């Protein structure tokens, strides 16, 4: 395999995520709109279980809008809640607030029937490295609460961030998995800077 990168902090992060999952209400899964299939992390699928999930296709301004719309249509057909965002220009807080409420609506309804007042939603945000999670969190918080760099491996541990009286975000490190399903998937992730440069041969990725 020409592209591979699974540093030790990711294994540690997976254990931390598993231990924190019982206290998390929902998952916000970020995928890169340019490589929606390749940025699907199979490890995240094991985290989701029965929890509500919101799929956020990031960096839509860098992707083909027609292909992005095809993906949104596909997720709708699969009855999966999804939206695409321009990380820098869209009103991230408004868009995600609406979708988080939509994702949590069945849970809120069950709570109301049992006489339980809905509390602040705790959402864990997950995705491959450099998918734009930190930018989205800063836009949600309307201030810089996490570091943003155009390289993978910046977020190394789980962090809780209070967004509003109704939402708390648990930021998780960008996660890859021990073995990519195909060489093309690895190349896609490398070209979108989700893999550290030590994890691949640039000449192979660029087909030189």
C-alpha atoms as a PDB file:
ATOM      1  CA  UNK A   1       0.000   0.000   0.000  1.00  0.00           C
ATOM      2  CA  UNK A   2       1.553   3.322  -1.054  1.00  0.00           C
ATOM      3  CA  UNK A   3      -0.336   5.463   1.476  1.00  0.00           C
ATOM      4  CA  UNK A   4      -0.751   4.659   5.162  1.00  0.00           C
ATOM      5  CA  UNK A   5      -0.691   6.665   8.409  1.00  0.00           C
ATOM      6  CA  UNK A   6      -2.026   5.525  11.782  1.00  0.00           C
ATOM      7  CA  UNK A   7      -0.010   7.175  14.590  1.00  0.00           C
ATOM      8  CA  UNK A   8      -0.252   6.155  18.231  1.00  0.00           C
ATOM      9  CA  UNK A   9      -2.414   9.078  19.339  1.00  0.00           C
ATOM     10  CA  UNK A  10      -5.243   7.785  17.139  1.00  0.00           C
ATOM     11  CA  UNK A  11      -5.335   4.469  18.991  1.00  0.00           C
ATOM     12  CA  UNK A  12      -5.484   6.383  22.271  1.00  0.00           C
ATOM     13  CA  UNK A  13      -8.248   8.631  20.903  1.00  0.00           C
ATOM     14  CA  UNK A  14     -10.342   5.618  19.881  1.00  0.00           C
ATOM     15  CA  UNK A  15     -10.188   4.273  23.449  1.00  0.00           C
ATOM     16  CA  UNK A  16     -11.136   7.695  24.842  1.00  0.00           C
ATOM     17  CA  UNK A  17     -14.061   8.017  22.427  1.00  0.00           C
ATOM     18  CA  UNK A  18     -15.351   4.578  23.371  1.00  0.00           C
ATOM     19  CA  UNK A  19     -15.256   5.452  27.074  1.00  0.00           C
ATOM     20  CA  UNK A  20     -17.032   8.784  26.533  1.00  0.00           C
ATOM     21  CA  UNK A  21     -19.720   7.511  24.140  1.00  0.00           C
ATOM     22  CA  UNK A  22     -22.295   6.659  26.832  1.00  0.00           C
ATOM     23  CA  UNK A  23     -22.453  10.342  27.820  1.00  0.00           C
ATOM     24  CA  UNK A  24     -22.759  11.588  24.210  1.00  0.00           C
ATOM     25  CA  UNK A  25     -26.217  12.262  22.744  1.00  0.00           C
ATOM     26  CA  UNK A  26     -25.365  12.292  19.030  1.00  0.00           C
ATOM     27  CA  UNK A  27     -22.572  12.137  16.461  1.00  0.00           C
ATOM     28  CA  UNK A  28     -21.680  14.838  13.954  1.00  0.00           C
ATOM     29  CA  UNK A  29     -19.674  13.063  11.266  1.00  0.00           C
ATOM     30  CA  UNK A  30     -17.653  15.308   8.948  1.00  0.00           C
ATOM     31  CA  UNK A  31     -16.654  14.140   5.486  1.00  0.00           C
ATOM     32  CA  UNK A  32     -14.742  16.061   2.841  1.00  0.00           C
ATOM     33  CA  UNK A  33     -17.191  16.986   0.043  1.00  0.00           C
ATOM     34  CA  UNK A  34     -14.419  16.375  -2.503  1.00  0.00           C
ATOM     35  CA  UNK A  35     -13.936  12.744  -1.430  1.00  0.00           C
ATOM     36  CA  UNK A  36     -17.154  11.755   0.331  1.00  0.00           C
ATOM     37  CA  UNK A  37     -16.677   8.005  -0.112  1.00  0.00           C
ATOM     38  CA  UNK A  38     -12.948   8.010   0.622  1.00  0.00           C
ATOM     39  CA  UNK A  39     -13.368  10.095   3.786  1.00  0.00           C
ATOM     40  CA  UNK A  40     -15.859   7.618   5.238  1.00  0.00           C
ATOM     41  CA  UNK A  41     -14.149   6.209   8.314  1.00  0.00           C
ATOM     42  CA  UNK A  42     -15.291   2.641   9.137  1.00  0.00           C
ATOM     43  CA  UNK A  43     -14.208   3.126  12.761  1.00  0.00           C
ATOM     44  CA  UNK A  44     -16.736   5.940  13.146  1.00  0.00           C
ATOM     45  CA  UNK A  45     -19.464   3.557  11.987  1.00  0.00           C
ATOM     46  CA  UNK A  46     -18.753   1.403  15.044  1.00  0.00           C
ATOM     47  CA  UNK A  47     -19.196   4.445  17.311  1.00  0.00           C
ATOM     48  CA  UNK A  48     -22.576   5.470  15.968  1.00  0.00           C
ATOM     49  CA  UNK A  49     -24.581   2.442  17.085  1.00  0.00           C
ATOM     50  CA  UNK A  50     -28.090   3.645  17.911  1.00  0.00           C
ATOM     51  CA  UNK A  51     -27.162   7.316  18.373  1.00  0.00           C
ATOM     52  CA  UNK A  52     -28.590  10.072  16.165  1.00  0.00           C
ATOM     53  CA  UNK A  53     -26.125  11.176  13.485  1.00  0.00           C
ATOM     54  CA  UNK A  54     -25.691  14.266  11.361  1.00  0.00           C
ATOM     55  CA  UNK A  55     -23.472  14.020   8.283  1.00  0.00           C
ATOM     56  CA  UNK A  56     -21.687  17.259   7.379  1.00  0.00           C
ATOM     57  CA  UNK A  57     -19.994  17.454   3.980  1.00  0.00           C
ATOM     58  CA  UNK A  58     -17.301  20.058   4.514  1.00  0.00           C
ATOM     59  CA  UNK A  59     -15.479  22.320   2.044  1.00  0.00           C
ATOM     60  CA  UNK A  60     -18.326  22.248  -0.476  1.00  0.00           C
ATOM     61  CA  UNK A  61     -16.844  25.327  -2.134  1.00  0.00           C
ATOM     62  CA  UNK A  62     -13.895  23.148  -3.246  1.00  0.00           C
ATOM     63  CA  UNK A  63     -16.104  20.348  -4.597  1.00  0.00           C
ATOM     64  CA  UNK A  64     -18.191  19.926  -7.737  1.00  0.00           C
ATOM     65  CA  UNK A  65     -21.669  21.217  -6.719  1.00  0.00           C
ATOM     66  CA  UNK A  66     -23.477  18.678  -8.918  1.00  0.00           C
ATOM     67  CA  UNK A  67     -21.638  15.757  -7.343  1.00  0.00           C
ATOM     68  CA  UNK A  68     -22.240  17.188  -3.865  1.00  0.00           C
ATOM     69  CA  UNK A  69     -25.953  17.382  -4.601  1.00  0.00           C
ATOM     70  CA  UNK A  70     -25.922  13.781  -5.809  1.00  0.00           C
ATOM     71  CA  UNK A  71     -24.430  12.763  -2.451  1.00  0.00           C
ATOM     72  CA  UNK A  72     -27.036  14.752  -0.521  1.00  0.00           C
ATOM     73  CA  UNK A  73     -29.778  13.089  -2.575  1.00  0.00           C
ATOM     74  CA  UNK A  74     -28.240   9.696  -1.875  1.00  0.00           C
ATOM     75  CA  UNK A  75     -28.134  10.272   1.886  1.00  0.00           C
ATOM     76  CA  UNK A  76     -31.726  11.481   1.816  1.00  0.00           C
ATOM     77  CA  UNK A  77     -32.753   8.276   0.044  1.00  0.00           C
ATOM     78  CA  UNK A  78     -30.898   6.338   2.743  1.00  0.00           C
ATOM     79  CA  UNK A  79     -32.811   8.353   5.382  1.00  0.00           C
ATOM     80  CA  UNK A  80     -29.566   9.808   6.702  1.00  0.00           C
ATOM     81  CA  UNK A  81     -29.526  13.422   7.831  1.00  0.00           C
ATOM     82  CA  UNK A  82     -26.902  15.386   5.882  1.00  0.00           C
ATOM     83  CA  UNK A  83     -25.927  18.857   4.741  1.00  0.00           C
ATOM     84  CA  UNK A  84     -23.045  20.449   2.842  1.00  0.00           C
ATOM     85  CA  UNK A  85     -21.257  23.556   4.066  1.00  0.00           C
ATOM     86  CA  UNK A  86     -18.724  26.133   2.998  1.00  0.00           C
ATOM     87  CA  UNK A  87     -16.614  26.125   6.166  1.00  0.00           C
ATOM     88  CA  UNK A  88     -15.831  29.844   5.959  1.00  0.00           C
ATOM     89  CA  UNK A  89     -18.817  31.563   4.321  1.00  0.00           C
ATOM     90  CA  UNK A  90     -21.940  29.695   5.443  1.00  0.00           C
ATOM     91  CA  UNK A  91     -23.779  30.481   8.676  1.00  0.00           C
ATOM     92  CA  UNK A  92     -22.512  27.311  10.333  1.00  0.00           C
ATOM     93  CA  UNK A  93     -24.184  27.952  13.668  1.00  0.00           C
ATOM     94  CA  UNK A  94     -27.623  28.455  12.163  1.00  0.00           C
ATOM     95  CA  UNK A  95     -27.325  25.477   9.812  1.00  0.00           C
ATOM     96  CA  UNK A  96     -26.067  23.036  12.431  1.00  0.00           C
ATOM     97  CA  UNK A  97     -28.417  24.257  15.144  1.00  0.00           C
ATOM     98  CA  UNK A  98     -31.365  23.458  12.892  1.00  0.00           C
ATOM     99  CA  UNK A  99     -30.019  20.033  11.889  1.00  0.00           C
ATOM    100  CA  UNK A 100     -29.008  19.074  15.443  1.00  0.00           C
ATOM    101  CA  UNK A 101     -32.570  19.758  16.592  1.00  0.00           C
ATOM    102  CA  UNK A 102     -33.858  17.691  13.680  1.00  0.00           C
ATOM    103  CA  UNK A 103     -31.541  14.798  14.526  1.00  0.00           C
ATOM    104  CA  UNK A 104     -32.495  14.918  18.208  1.00  0.00           C
ATOM    105  CA  UNK A 105     -36.249  15.400  17.651  1.00  0.00           C
ATOM    106  CA  UNK A 106     -37.165  11.710  18.238  1.00  0.00           C
ATOM    107  CA  UNK A 107     -35.113  11.696  21.460  1.00  0.00           C
ATOM    108  CA  UNK A 108     -36.727  14.922  22.677  1.00  0.00           C
ATOM    109  CA  UNK A 109     -40.169  13.499  21.919  1.00  0.00           C
ATOM    110  CA  UNK A 110     -39.464  10.356  23.957  1.00  0.00           C
ATOM    111  CA  UNK A 111     -38.224  12.509  26.825  1.00  0.00           C
ATOM    112  CA  UNK A 112     -41.323  14.706  26.733  1.00  0.00           C
ATOM    113  CA  UNK A 113     -43.595  11.660  26.843  1.00  0.00           C
ATOM    114  CA  UNK A 114     -41.750  10.535  29.974  1.00  0.00           C
ATOM    115  CA  UNK A 115     -41.987  13.978  31.527  1.00  0.00           C
ATOM    116  CA  UNK A 116     -38.268  14.674  31.143  1.00  0.00           C
ATOM    117  CA  UNK A 117     -37.204  18.187  30.240  1.00  0.00           C
ATOM    118  CA  UNK A 118     -34.642  18.140  27.395  1.00  0.00           C
ATOM    119  CA  UNK A 119     -31.148  19.148  28.537  1.00  0.00           C
ATOM    120  CA  UNK A 120     -28.194  20.577  26.640  1.00  0.00           C
ATOM    121  CA  UNK A 121     -27.258  18.336  23.706  1.00  0.00           C
ATOM    122  CA  UNK A 122     -23.766  16.877  23.823  1.00  0.00           C
ATOM    123  CA  UNK A 123     -22.601  16.129  20.272  1.00  0.00           C
ATOM    124  CA  UNK A 124     -19.308  14.456  19.413  1.00  0.00           C
ATOM    125  CA  UNK A 125     -17.767  15.715  16.162  1.00  0.00           C
ATOM    126  CA  UNK A 126     -15.689  13.141  14.263  1.00  0.00           C
ATOM    127  CA  UNK A 127     -13.940  12.840  10.929  1.00  0.00           C
ATOM    128  CA  UNK A 128     -10.683  12.171   9.146  1.00  0.00           C
ATOM    129  CA  UNK A 129      -7.749  14.534   9.761  1.00  0.00           C
ATOM    130  CA  UNK A 130      -7.899  17.992   8.153  1.00  0.00           C
ATOM    131  CA  UNK A 131     -11.578  17.638   7.223  1.00  0.00           C
ATOM    132  CA  UNK A 132     -12.385  21.045   8.721  1.00  0.00           C
ATOM    133  CA  UNK A 133     -13.740  20.100  12.154  1.00  0.00           C
ATOM    134  CA  UNK A 134     -11.809  22.809  13.984  1.00  0.00           C
ATOM    135  CA  UNK A 135     -13.001  25.551  11.634  1.00  0.00           C
ATOM    136  CA  UNK A 136     -16.590  24.415  12.074  1.00  0.00           C
ATOM    137  CA  UNK A 137     -16.241  24.402  15.869  1.00  0.00           C
ATOM    138  CA  UNK A 138     -14.774  27.909  15.881  1.00  0.00           C
ATOM    139  CA  UNK A 139     -17.598  29.102  13.634  1.00  0.00           C
ATOM    140  CA  UNK A 140     -20.125  27.474  15.975  1.00  0.00           C
ATOM    141  CA  UNK A 141     -18.565  29.088  19.031  1.00  0.00           C
ATOM    142  CA  UNK A 142     -18.141  32.415  17.201  1.00  0.00           C
ATOM    143  CA  UNK A 143     -14.615  32.612  18.588  1.00  0.00           C
ATOM    144  CA  UNK A 144     -11.329  30.703  18.330  1.00  0.00           C
ATOM    145  CA  UNK A 145     -11.602  27.812  20.754  1.00  0.00           C
ATOM    146  CA  UNK A 146      -9.506  25.246  18.878  1.00  0.00           C
ATOM    147  CA  UNK A 147      -6.380  25.557  16.741  1.00  0.00           C
ATOM    148  CA  UNK A 148      -6.805  25.487  12.962  1.00  0.00           C
ATOM    149  CA  UNK A 149      -3.988  24.439  10.625  1.00  0.00           C
ATOM    150  CA  UNK A 150      -3.954  23.054   7.099  1.00  0.00           C
ATOM    151  CA  UNK A 151      -2.298  19.798   8.115  1.00  0.00           C
ATOM    152  CA  UNK A 152      -3.334  16.593   9.862  1.00  0.00           C
ATOM    153  CA  UNK A 153      -2.572  15.648  13.454  1.00  0.00           C
ATOM    154  CA  UNK A 154      -3.216  19.036  15.127  1.00  0.00           C
ATOM    155  CA  UNK A 155      -6.005  17.903  17.485  1.00  0.00           C
ATOM    156  CA  UNK A 156      -4.495  15.185  19.671  1.00  0.00           C
ATOM    157  CA  UNK A 157      -7.075  14.707  22.441  1.00  0.00           C
ATOM    158  CA  UNK A 158     -10.792  14.995  23.158  1.00  0.00           C
ATOM    159  CA  UNK A 159     -11.979  18.448  24.228  1.00  0.00           C
ATOM    160  CA  UNK A 160     -15.398  19.609  25.437  1.00  0.00           C
ATOM    161  CA  UNK A 161     -16.545  23.015  24.174  1.00  0.00           C
ATOM    162  CA  UNK A 162     -19.718  24.768  25.310  1.00  0.00           C
ATOM    163  CA  UNK A 163     -21.348  26.352  22.255  1.00  0.00           C
ATOM    164  CA  UNK A 164     -24.610  27.652  23.711  1.00  0.00           C
ATOM    165  CA  UNK A 165     -27.158  26.912  26.417  1.00  0.00           C
ATOM    166  CA  UNK A 166     -28.491  24.164  24.140  1.00  0.00           C
ATOM    167  CA  UNK A 167     -25.317  22.601  22.690  1.00  0.00           C
ATOM    168  CA  UNK A 168     -21.967  21.244  23.817  1.00  0.00           C
ATOM    169  CA  UNK A 169     -19.443  19.881  21.332  1.00  0.00           C
ATOM    170  CA  UNK A 170     -16.915  17.155  22.057  1.00  0.00           C
ATOM    171  CA  UNK A 171     -14.037  17.671  19.632  1.00  0.00           C
ATOM    172  CA  UNK A 172     -12.152  14.494  18.734  1.00  0.00           C
ATOM    173  CA  UNK A 173      -8.843  14.046  16.926  1.00  0.00           C
ATOM    174  CA  UNK A 174      -8.977  13.386  13.215  1.00  0.00           C
ATOM    175  CA  UNK A 175      -9.099   9.614  12.875  1.00  0.00           C
ATOM    176  CA  UNK A 176      -7.854   7.294  10.169  1.00  0.00           C
ATOM    177  CA  UNK A 177      -7.872   3.501  10.356  1.00  0.00           C
ATOM    178  CA  UNK A 178      -5.122   0.868  10.254  1.00  0.00           C
ATOM    179  CA  UNK A 179      -5.631  -0.217   6.634  1.00  0.00           C
ATOM    180  CA  UNK A 180      -7.306   1.647   3.775  1.00  0.00           C
ATOM    181  CA  UNK A 181      -9.784  -0.304   1.671  1.00  0.00           C
ATOM    182  CA  UNK A 182      -7.976   0.570  -1.576  1.00  0.00           C
ATOM    183  CA  UNK A 183      -4.915   2.375  -2.873  1.00  0.00           C
ATOM    184  CA  UNK A 184      -7.176   4.974  -4.528  1.00  0.00           C
ATOM    185  CA  UNK A 185      -8.767   5.787  -1.178  1.00  0.00           C
ATOM    186  CA  UNK A 186      -5.345   6.398   0.330  1.00  0.00           C
ATOM    187  CA  UNK A 187      -4.365   8.622  -2.596  1.00  0.00           C
ATOM    188  CA  UNK A 188      -7.572  10.665  -2.241  1.00  0.00           C
ATOM    189  CA  UNK A 189      -6.899  11.198   1.479  1.00  0.00           C
ATOM    190  CA  UNK A 190      -3.273  12.123   0.792  1.00  0.00           C
ATOM    191  CA  UNK A 191      -4.217  14.643  -1.910  1.00  0.00           C
ATOM    192  CA  UNK A 192      -6.700  16.294   0.496  1.00  0.00           C
ATOM    193  CA  UNK A 193      -4.025  16.549   3.230  1.00  0.00           C
ATOM    194  CA  UNK A 194      -5.690  14.026   5.538  1.00  0.00           C
ATOM    195  CA  UNK A 195      -2.480  11.976   5.706  1.00  0.00           C
ATOM    196  CA  UNK A 196       0.785  13.319   7.082  1.00  0.00           C
ATOM    197  CA  UNK A 197       3.462  13.592   4.404  1.00  0.00           C
ATOM    198  CA  UNK A 198       5.544  10.946   6.197  1.00  0.00           C
ATOM    199  CA  UNK A 199       2.775   8.460   5.427  1.00  0.00           C
ATOM    200  CA  UNK A 200       3.227   8.340   1.663  1.00  0.00           C
ATOM    201  CA  UNK A 201       5.552   8.811  -1.284  1.00  0.00           C
ATOM    202  CA  UNK A 202       4.521  12.041  -3.029  1.00  0.00           C
ATOM    203  CA  UNK A 203       5.778  10.783  -6.393  1.00  0.00           C
ATOM    204  CA  UNK A 204       3.472   7.739  -6.165  1.00  0.00           C
ATOM    205  CA  UNK A 205       0.487   9.851  -5.140  1.00  0.00           C
ATOM    206  CA  UNK A 206       1.060  12.300  -7.983  1.00  0.00           C
ATOM    207  CA  UNK A 207       1.674   9.376 -10.366  1.00  0.00           C
ATOM    208  CA  UNK A 208       5.016  10.755 -11.424  1.00  0.00           C
END
